[in-house]
């Protein structure tokens, strides 16, 4: 269980420990590297290539995808009804940043719901500034009339877990306390004008896709253990094709289910997790994991993709786990997008199922 104090202190401690954690991570990587193929590296597409000498590089195929290309923010985007976006630095010490989306408002004093969103990418690739995420979240902001803070958290293996979880929790605390009119000793930006002027702090939502959905789950569990500043509460959580694992097969998973990249990558992004894929952060139903009854939000939406062959079963399994836990929140019906796969709102952006999803998400955020 990871604990925190003041968000500024968390970021300072994280920065001091950075080199030590990275060195520890790379030392642990040396052993599995000798199991590489004849070309001298282990290919963990679409995530990483790990070489025998310990060198790690991100997979060039993933980096070349159109959805992975950087796209700049834009004011008054004419293609989305006037959604504006901008990039901000939240924690300069650790370089945690975000892209903020603000829909066109009906009046200058309007306050709208806030969605804190975490991108996917196996904790080691992806960015809040990728074109796929930008297009997707601009649509959500426009259709749902919601402000979105898309967090650009630190990535493994340079910053192994729990770095991303710490960044996510610190960002949520920053959101809860950002109205304080003072500058932190670590140079933390505590006031974001769009949030201060238009954010509805009684309607704060958390969401993400793939590993970002995993982060969202863990943040909401964290909120059950530690109160947020200023009495801020989480109104709802959205998990899109969530990334959960486990050592024992479930449903239709084959006997070789752990041979996939989504399993192999875990040891590289969380080398300190002694329980492997049964660590409570990746397997929320593992023996000894905290009860899902501890989810600290008012309502929950889980969305899986029909052809998400690696992770669909785990998403359903998670939903059923919440259902059986006795959780007191409002659990929406389990949604399955037909004919599409993992992270379908980005990779199947024009599919009718994505349009249906965005309409359902907009309703979830507005009711």
Protein backbone atom coordinates (compact mmCIF):
# COMPACT_ATOMS: atom_id res chain seq x y z
CA UNK A 1 0.00 0.00 0.00
CA UNK A 2 1.47 3.32 -1.07
CA UNK A 3 1.03 6.30 1.21
CA UNK A 4 1.47 10.00 0.63
CA UNK A 5 1.46 13.29 2.45
CA UNK A 6 1.44 16.78 0.95
CA UNK A 7 1.61 16.65 -2.87
CA UNK A 8 4.66 18.94 -2.88
CA UNK A 9 6.52 16.63 -0.49
CA UNK A 10 5.57 13.59 -2.56
CA UNK A 11 7.05 15.16 -5.66
CA UNK A 12 10.27 16.21 -3.91
CA UNK A 13 10.77 12.72 -2.46
CA UNK A 14 10.04 11.19 -5.85
CA UNK A 15 12.64 13.40 -7.51
CA UNK A 16 15.32 12.53 -4.92
CA UNK A 17 14.63 8.80 -5.26
CA UNK A 18 14.47 8.93 -9.05
CA UNK A 19 17.99 7.76 -9.91
CA UNK A 20 17.96 5.08 -7.24
CA UNK A 21 14.64 3.66 -8.44
CA UNK A 22 15.69 3.69 -12.09
CA UNK A 23 19.00 1.95 -11.33
CA UNK A 24 17.19 -0.68 -9.25
CA UNK A 25 14.72 -1.24 -12.09
CA UNK A 26 17.43 -1.68 -14.71
CA UNK A 27 19.40 -4.10 -12.50
CA UNK A 28 16.34 -6.31 -12.18
CA UNK A 29 15.85 -6.20 -15.94
CA UNK A 30 19.23 -7.78 -16.66
CA UNK A 31 18.12 -11.30 -15.69
CA UNK A 32 15.10 -11.61 -18.02
CA UNK A 33 17.07 -9.95 -20.84
CA UNK A 34 19.14 -13.13 -21.23
CA UNK A 35 15.97 -14.90 -22.30
CA UNK A 36 15.83 -12.76 -25.42
CA UNK A 37 15.49 -14.10 -28.93
CA UNK A 38 18.29 -14.73 -31.46
CA UNK A 39 18.34 -11.08 -32.52
CA UNK A 40 19.57 -10.08 -29.09
CA UNK A 41 16.45 -8.53 -27.64
CA UNK A 42 13.08 -9.35 -26.19
CA UNK A 43 10.32 -7.83 -28.30
CA UNK A 44 7.44 -6.66 -26.15
CA UNK A 45 5.45 -5.02 -28.92
CA UNK A 46 3.61 -2.72 -28.76
CA UNK A 47 5.57 -1.53 -25.75
CA UNK A 48 9.33 -2.07 -25.48
CA UNK A 49 12.40 -3.79 -26.88
CA UNK A 50 14.72 -5.01 -24.12
CA UNK A 51 18.29 -5.82 -25.22
CA UNK A 52 20.71 -8.27 -23.65
CA UNK A 53 23.00 -5.49 -22.48
CA UNK A 54 20.15 -3.93 -20.49
CA UNK A 55 19.29 -1.23 -23.02
CA UNK A 56 15.56 -0.52 -23.29
CA UNK A 57 13.88 1.33 -26.13
CA UNK A 58 10.28 2.00 -26.97
CA UNK A 59 8.85 0.05 -29.86
CA UNK A 60 9.23 2.05 -33.08
CA UNK A 61 6.05 0.58 -34.58
CA UNK A 62 3.94 2.08 -31.79
CA UNK A 63 5.73 5.41 -32.05
CA UNK A 64 5.02 5.52 -35.79
CA UNK A 65 1.23 5.13 -35.45
CA UNK A 66 -0.77 8.22 -36.48
CA UNK A 67 -2.57 8.11 -33.12
CA UNK A 68 0.81 8.39 -31.35
CA UNK A 69 1.92 11.58 -33.08
CA UNK A 70 2.15 14.76 -31.03
CA UNK A 71 -0.56 17.30 -31.75
CA UNK A 72 -0.48 20.83 -30.29
CA UNK A 73 -3.34 22.26 -28.23
CA UNK A 74 -5.82 24.57 -29.91
CA UNK A 75 -8.13 27.39 -28.91
CA UNK A 76 -11.73 27.28 -30.19
CA UNK A 77 -11.40 24.15 -32.30
CA UNK A 78 -13.96 24.66 -35.12
CA UNK A 79 -14.34 20.90 -35.66
CA UNK A 80 -15.65 20.27 -32.14
CA UNK A 81 -17.95 23.19 -31.52
CA UNK A 82 -15.30 25.47 -30.09
CA UNK A 83 -13.47 23.27 -27.57
CA UNK A 84 -10.26 24.92 -26.39
CA UNK A 85 -7.21 23.10 -25.08
CA UNK A 86 -3.91 24.10 -23.49
CA UNK A 87 -0.92 22.41 -21.86
CA UNK A 88 0.10 23.10 -18.27
CA UNK A 89 2.86 22.00 -15.90
CA UNK A 90 1.42 20.66 -12.64
CA UNK A 91 4.61 19.59 -10.84
CA UNK A 92 7.81 21.13 -12.28
CA UNK A 93 10.08 19.00 -10.08
CA UNK A 94 8.90 15.72 -11.61
CA UNK A 95 7.73 17.27 -14.89
CA UNK A 96 4.15 16.04 -14.49
CA UNK A 97 2.03 17.97 -16.95
CA UNK A 98 -1.44 17.86 -18.45
CA UNK A 99 -3.58 18.90 -21.36
CA UNK A 100 -6.70 20.77 -20.27
CA UNK A 101 -9.85 20.79 -22.40
CA UNK A 102 -12.58 23.42 -21.99
CA UNK A 103 -15.78 23.28 -24.09
CA UNK A 104 -17.43 26.40 -25.41
CA UNK A 105 -19.49 27.76 -22.53
CA UNK A 106 -22.98 29.18 -22.69
CA UNK A 107 -22.10 31.95 -20.24
CA UNK A 108 -18.84 33.28 -18.72
CA UNK A 109 -19.80 32.22 -15.17
CA UNK A 110 -20.78 28.64 -16.01
CA UNK A 111 -19.31 25.85 -13.88
CA UNK A 112 -19.06 22.40 -15.40
CA UNK A 113 -18.02 18.88 -14.29
CA UNK A 114 -14.32 17.99 -14.18
CA UNK A 115 -12.92 14.74 -15.56
CA UNK A 116 -9.38 13.72 -14.58
CA UNK A 117 -8.26 11.32 -17.31
CA UNK A 118 -5.28 8.95 -17.63
CA UNK A 119 -4.07 7.71 -21.02
CA UNK A 120 -3.17 4.09 -21.75
CA UNK A 121 0.05 2.51 -22.98
CA UNK A 122 1.09 -0.23 -20.56
CA UNK A 123 2.52 2.37 -18.15
CA UNK A 124 5.49 2.82 -20.51
CA UNK A 125 4.29 4.37 -23.80
CA UNK A 126 1.75 7.00 -24.78
CA UNK A 127 1.20 10.62 -23.90
CA UNK A 128 -1.57 13.04 -23.02
CA UNK A 129 -0.46 14.96 -26.11
CA UNK A 130 -0.92 12.15 -28.67
CA UNK A 131 -3.27 12.88 -31.55
CA UNK A 132 -5.51 9.89 -30.79
CA UNK A 133 -6.08 10.99 -27.21
CA UNK A 134 -6.53 14.60 -28.24
CA UNK A 135 -9.22 13.79 -30.81
CA UNK A 136 -11.02 11.44 -28.43
CA UNK A 137 -11.04 13.76 -25.42
CA UNK A 138 -11.96 16.82 -27.47
CA UNK A 139 -15.07 14.92 -28.59
CA UNK A 140 -15.89 13.94 -25.02
CA UNK A 141 -15.46 17.52 -23.78
CA UNK A 142 -17.76 18.82 -26.51
CA UNK A 143 -20.50 16.19 -26.18
CA UNK A 144 -20.52 16.04 -22.38
CA UNK A 145 -19.86 19.75 -21.72
CA UNK A 146 -17.11 18.76 -19.30
CA UNK A 147 -13.65 20.10 -18.49
CA UNK A 148 -10.96 17.43 -18.87
CA UNK A 149 -7.53 17.27 -17.26
CA UNK A 150 -5.58 14.67 -19.26
CA UNK A 151 -2.57 13.83 -17.10
CA UNK A 152 0.86 13.24 -18.60
CA UNK A 153 2.26 11.08 -15.81
CA UNK A 154 5.78 9.64 -15.65
CA UNK A 155 6.42 6.47 -17.63
CA UNK A 156 8.29 3.25 -16.88
CA UNK A 157 10.91 1.89 -17.16
CA UNK A 158 12.68 5.20 -16.46
CA UNK A 159 10.15 5.80 -13.70
CA UNK A 160 8.88 2.40 -12.57
CA UNK A 161 5.64 2.03 -10.69
CA UNK A 162 4.47 3.30 -8.26
CA UNK A 163 5.55 6.58 -9.94
CA UNK A 164 2.43 6.80 -12.15
CA UNK A 165 0.15 6.05 -9.20
CA UNK A 166 1.86 8.70 -7.10
CA UNK A 167 1.57 11.24 -9.92
CA UNK A 168 -2.13 10.47 -10.29
CA UNK A 169 -2.89 10.80 -6.60
CA UNK A 170 -0.82 13.99 -6.29
CA UNK A 171 -2.70 15.45 -9.26
CA UNK A 172 -6.02 14.72 -7.61
CA UNK A 173 -4.82 16.42 -4.43
CA UNK A 174 -3.57 19.35 -6.51
CA UNK A 175 -7.03 19.62 -8.00
CA UNK A 176 -8.64 19.56 -4.56
CA UNK A 177 -6.33 22.23 -3.14
CA UNK A 178 -5.47 24.36 -6.18
CA UNK A 179 -7.64 27.30 -5.11
CA UNK A 180 -5.19 28.21 -2.35
CA UNK A 181 -3.67 31.55 -3.30
CA UNK A 182 -0.06 30.72 -2.63
CA UNK A 183 2.86 29.16 -4.42
CA UNK A 184 4.35 25.98 -3.02
CA UNK A 185 7.98 25.72 -1.95
CA UNK A 186 8.63 23.24 -4.76
CA UNK A 187 7.24 25.61 -7.37
CA UNK A 188 3.98 23.69 -7.65
CA UNK A 189 1.38 25.50 -9.71
CA UNK A 190 -1.61 25.56 -7.36
CA UNK A 191 -3.99 27.69 -9.39
CA UNK A 192 -5.20 26.88 -12.91
CA UNK A 193 -7.50 29.69 -14.15
CA UNK A 194 -9.86 27.51 -16.16
CA UNK A 195 -10.44 25.29 -13.15
CA UNK A 196 -10.80 28.21 -10.75
CA UNK A 197 -13.28 30.00 -13.00
CA UNK A 198 -15.32 27.13 -14.43
CA UNK A 199 -14.69 23.90 -12.49
CA UNK A 200 -17.58 22.35 -10.54
CA UNK A 201 -15.78 20.78 -7.58
CA UNK A 202 -18.79 18.83 -6.40
CA UNK A 203 -18.80 16.95 -9.72
CA UNK A 204 -15.32 15.50 -10.11
CA UNK A 205 -14.87 12.33 -12.15
CA UNK A 206 -11.91 10.00 -12.69
CA UNK A 207 -11.35 7.92 -15.82
CA UNK A 208 -8.90 6.24 -18.13
CA UNK A 209 -8.36 3.60 -20.78
CA UNK A 210 -6.21 0.45 -20.53
CA UNK A 211 -3.37 1.13 -18.05
CA UNK A 212 -4.96 4.54 -17.52
CA UNK A 213 -8.12 2.76 -16.34
CA UNK A 214 -5.92 0.75 -13.99
CA UNK A 215 -4.53 4.03 -12.61
CA UNK A 216 -8.05 5.40 -12.21
CA UNK A 217 -9.10 2.29 -10.25
CA UNK A 218 -6.09 2.56 -7.95
CA UNK A 219 -6.65 6.28 -7.35
CA UNK A 220 -10.26 5.61 -6.32
CA UNK A 221 -9.10 2.84 -3.99
CA UNK A 222 -6.50 5.24 -2.57
CA UNK A 223 -9.28 7.76 -1.91
CA UNK A 224 -10.90 5.12 0.28
CA UNK A 225 -7.78 5.01 2.47
CA UNK A 226 -6.88 8.70 2.53
CA UNK A 227 -9.16 11.70 2.46
CA UNK A 228 -8.81 14.30 -0.24
CA UNK A 229 -8.20 17.93 0.83
CA UNK A 230 -11.06 20.36 1.29
CA UNK A 231 -13.65 17.60 1.45
CA UNK A 232 -13.49 16.91 -2.29
CA UNK A 233 -15.17 13.67 -3.33
CA UNK A 234 -15.16 11.60 -6.51
CA UNK A 235 -18.57 11.60 -8.17
CA UNK A 236 -17.87 8.78 -10.58
CA UNK A 237 -15.26 6.59 -12.26
CA UNK A 238 -15.03 5.45 -15.90
CA UNK A 239 -12.88 2.44 -16.80
CA UNK A 240 -12.48 1.82 -20.56
CA UNK A 241 -11.03 -1.59 -21.55
CA UNK A 242 -9.19 -1.72 -18.20
CA UNK A 243 -5.78 -3.35 -17.77
CA UNK A 244 -6.00 -6.02 -15.06
CA UNK A 245 -4.09 -9.30 -14.83
CA UNK A 246 -3.80 -12.38 -12.63
CA UNK A 247 -1.81 -15.60 -12.40
CA UNK A 248 -4.81 -17.93 -12.67
CA UNK A 249 -6.83 -18.23 -15.90
CA UNK A 250 -10.45 -17.09 -15.90
CA UNK A 251 -13.33 -17.56 -18.33
CA UNK A 252 -12.04 -18.33 -21.85
CA UNK A 253 -8.37 -17.51 -21.25
CA UNK A 254 -6.09 -20.19 -22.70
CA UNK A 255 -3.49 -22.11 -20.71
CA UNK A 256 -0.81 -19.90 -22.34
CA UNK A 257 -2.56 -16.65 -21.43
CA UNK A 258 0.49 -15.29 -19.58
CA UNK A 259 2.64 -15.43 -22.76
CA UNK A 260 1.15 -12.22 -24.13
CA UNK A 261 2.92 -8.85 -24.04
CA UNK A 262 0.38 -7.40 -21.61
CA UNK A 263 1.61 -9.95 -19.06
CA UNK A 264 5.31 -9.86 -19.87
CA UNK A 265 5.49 -6.08 -19.67
CA UNK A 266 4.40 -5.99 -16.03
CA UNK A 267 7.78 -7.15 -14.70
CA UNK A 268 9.45 -4.23 -16.49
CA UNK A 269 7.07 -1.51 -15.36
CA UNK A 270 6.80 -2.71 -11.76
CA UNK A 271 9.99 -4.64 -10.91
CA UNK A 272 9.48 -4.02 -7.20
CA UNK A 273 6.10 -5.80 -7.15
CA UNK A 274 7.06 -9.00 -5.32
CA UNK A 275 3.72 -10.66 -6.06
CA UNK A 276 4.12 -10.22 -9.83
CA UNK A 277 0.79 -10.21 -11.67
CA UNK A 278 -0.97 -10.92 -8.39
CA UNK A 279 0.10 -7.57 -6.95
CA UNK A 280 -3.06 -5.83 -5.76
CA UNK A 281 -2.53 -2.91 -8.15
CA UNK A 282 -2.80 -5.11 -11.26
CA UNK A 283 -4.92 -7.91 -9.77
CA UNK A 284 -7.61 -6.24 -7.63
CA UNK A 285 -9.11 -9.64 -6.80
CA UNK A 286 -5.86 -11.30 -5.71
CA UNK A 287 -5.72 -13.05 -2.31
CA UNK A 288 -5.01 -10.39 0.28
CA UNK A 289 -6.01 -7.48 -1.98
CA UNK A 290 -8.25 -4.86 -0.35
CA UNK A 291 -11.95 -5.40 -0.91
CA UNK A 292 -13.44 -3.58 -3.89
CA UNK A 293 -16.03 -2.42 -1.41
CA UNK A 294 -13.46 0.28 -0.66
CA UNK A 295 -13.90 2.09 -3.98
CA UNK A 296 -14.46 5.70 -2.96
CA UNK A 297 -16.76 7.11 -5.61
CA UNK A 298 -20.50 7.45 -6.06
CA UNK A 299 -20.89 5.53 -9.31
CA UNK A 300 -18.89 3.38 -11.69
CA UNK A 301 -18.95 2.60 -15.42
CA UNK A 302 -16.95 -0.29 -16.90
CA UNK A 303 -16.66 -0.65 -20.69
CA UNK A 304 -15.03 -3.58 -22.51
CA UNK A 305 -14.45 -4.31 -26.19
CA UNK A 306 -15.85 -7.49 -27.73
CA UNK A 307 -12.64 -8.27 -29.65
CA UNK A 308 -10.24 -7.21 -26.88
CA UNK A 309 -9.02 -10.81 -26.65
CA UNK A 310 -6.24 -10.19 -24.11
CA UNK A 311 -8.14 -8.12 -21.55
CA UNK A 312 -11.91 -8.39 -22.14
CA UNK A 313 -12.31 -11.28 -19.70
CA UNK A 314 -10.44 -9.40 -16.98
CA UNK A 315 -12.68 -6.35 -17.40
CA UNK A 316 -15.80 -8.48 -16.96
CA UNK A 317 -14.17 -10.28 -14.03
CA UNK A 318 -13.44 -6.94 -12.36
CA UNK A 319 -17.01 -5.74 -12.87
CA UNK A 320 -18.38 -8.94 -11.33
CA UNK A 321 -15.93 -8.55 -8.46
CA UNK A 322 -17.27 -5.08 -7.69
CA UNK A 323 -20.81 -6.39 -7.96
CA UNK A 324 -20.09 -9.20 -5.47
CA UNK A 325 -18.13 -7.03 -3.04
CA UNK A 326 -21.10 -5.27 -1.51
CA UNK A 327 -19.92 -1.88 -2.77
CA UNK A 328 -22.51 0.78 -1.89
CA UNK A 329 -22.11 2.96 -4.97
CA UNK A 330 -24.20 2.93 -8.13
CA UNK A 331 -22.82 0.31 -10.53
CA UNK A 332 -23.93 0.97 -14.08
CA UNK A 333 -24.60 -2.06 -16.28
CA UNK A 334 -21.53 -3.64 -17.86
CA UNK A 335 -21.15 -2.25 -21.36
CA UNK A 336 -19.54 -4.15 -24.23
CA UNK A 337 -18.69 -2.42 -27.50
CA UNK A 338 -19.53 -4.87 -30.28
CA UNK A 339 -16.99 -5.68 -32.98
CA UNK A 340 -14.21 -3.49 -31.60
CA UNK A 341 -11.21 -4.14 -29.40
CA UNK A 342 -8.82 -2.60 -26.94
CA UNK A 343 -8.99 1.18 -26.44
CA UNK A 344 -11.62 1.35 -29.16
CA UNK A 345 -12.44 5.07 -28.66
CA UNK A 346 -8.99 5.81 -30.10
CA UNK A 347 -8.24 2.90 -32.43
CA UNK A 348 -11.82 2.66 -33.75
CA UNK A 349 -12.66 6.34 -33.47
CA UNK A 350 -15.10 6.38 -36.39
CA UNK A 351 -16.95 3.19 -35.46
CA UNK A 352 -20.59 3.47 -34.46
CA UNK A 353 -19.76 1.78 -31.16
CA UNK A 354 -17.47 4.67 -30.27
CA UNK A 355 -20.28 7.12 -30.99
CA UNK A 356 -22.59 5.10 -28.72
CA UNK A 357 -19.92 5.03 -26.02
CA UNK A 358 -19.40 8.80 -26.12
CA UNK A 359 -23.15 9.39 -25.79
CA UNK A 360 -23.31 7.05 -22.80
CA UNK A 361 -20.25 8.65 -21.25
CA UNK A 362 -21.73 12.11 -21.71
CA UNK A 363 -24.91 11.02 -19.92
CA UNK A 364 -22.84 9.46 -17.13
CA UNK A 365 -20.95 12.71 -16.61
CA UNK A 366 -24.04 14.90 -16.70
CA UNK A 367 -26.42 12.93 -14.42
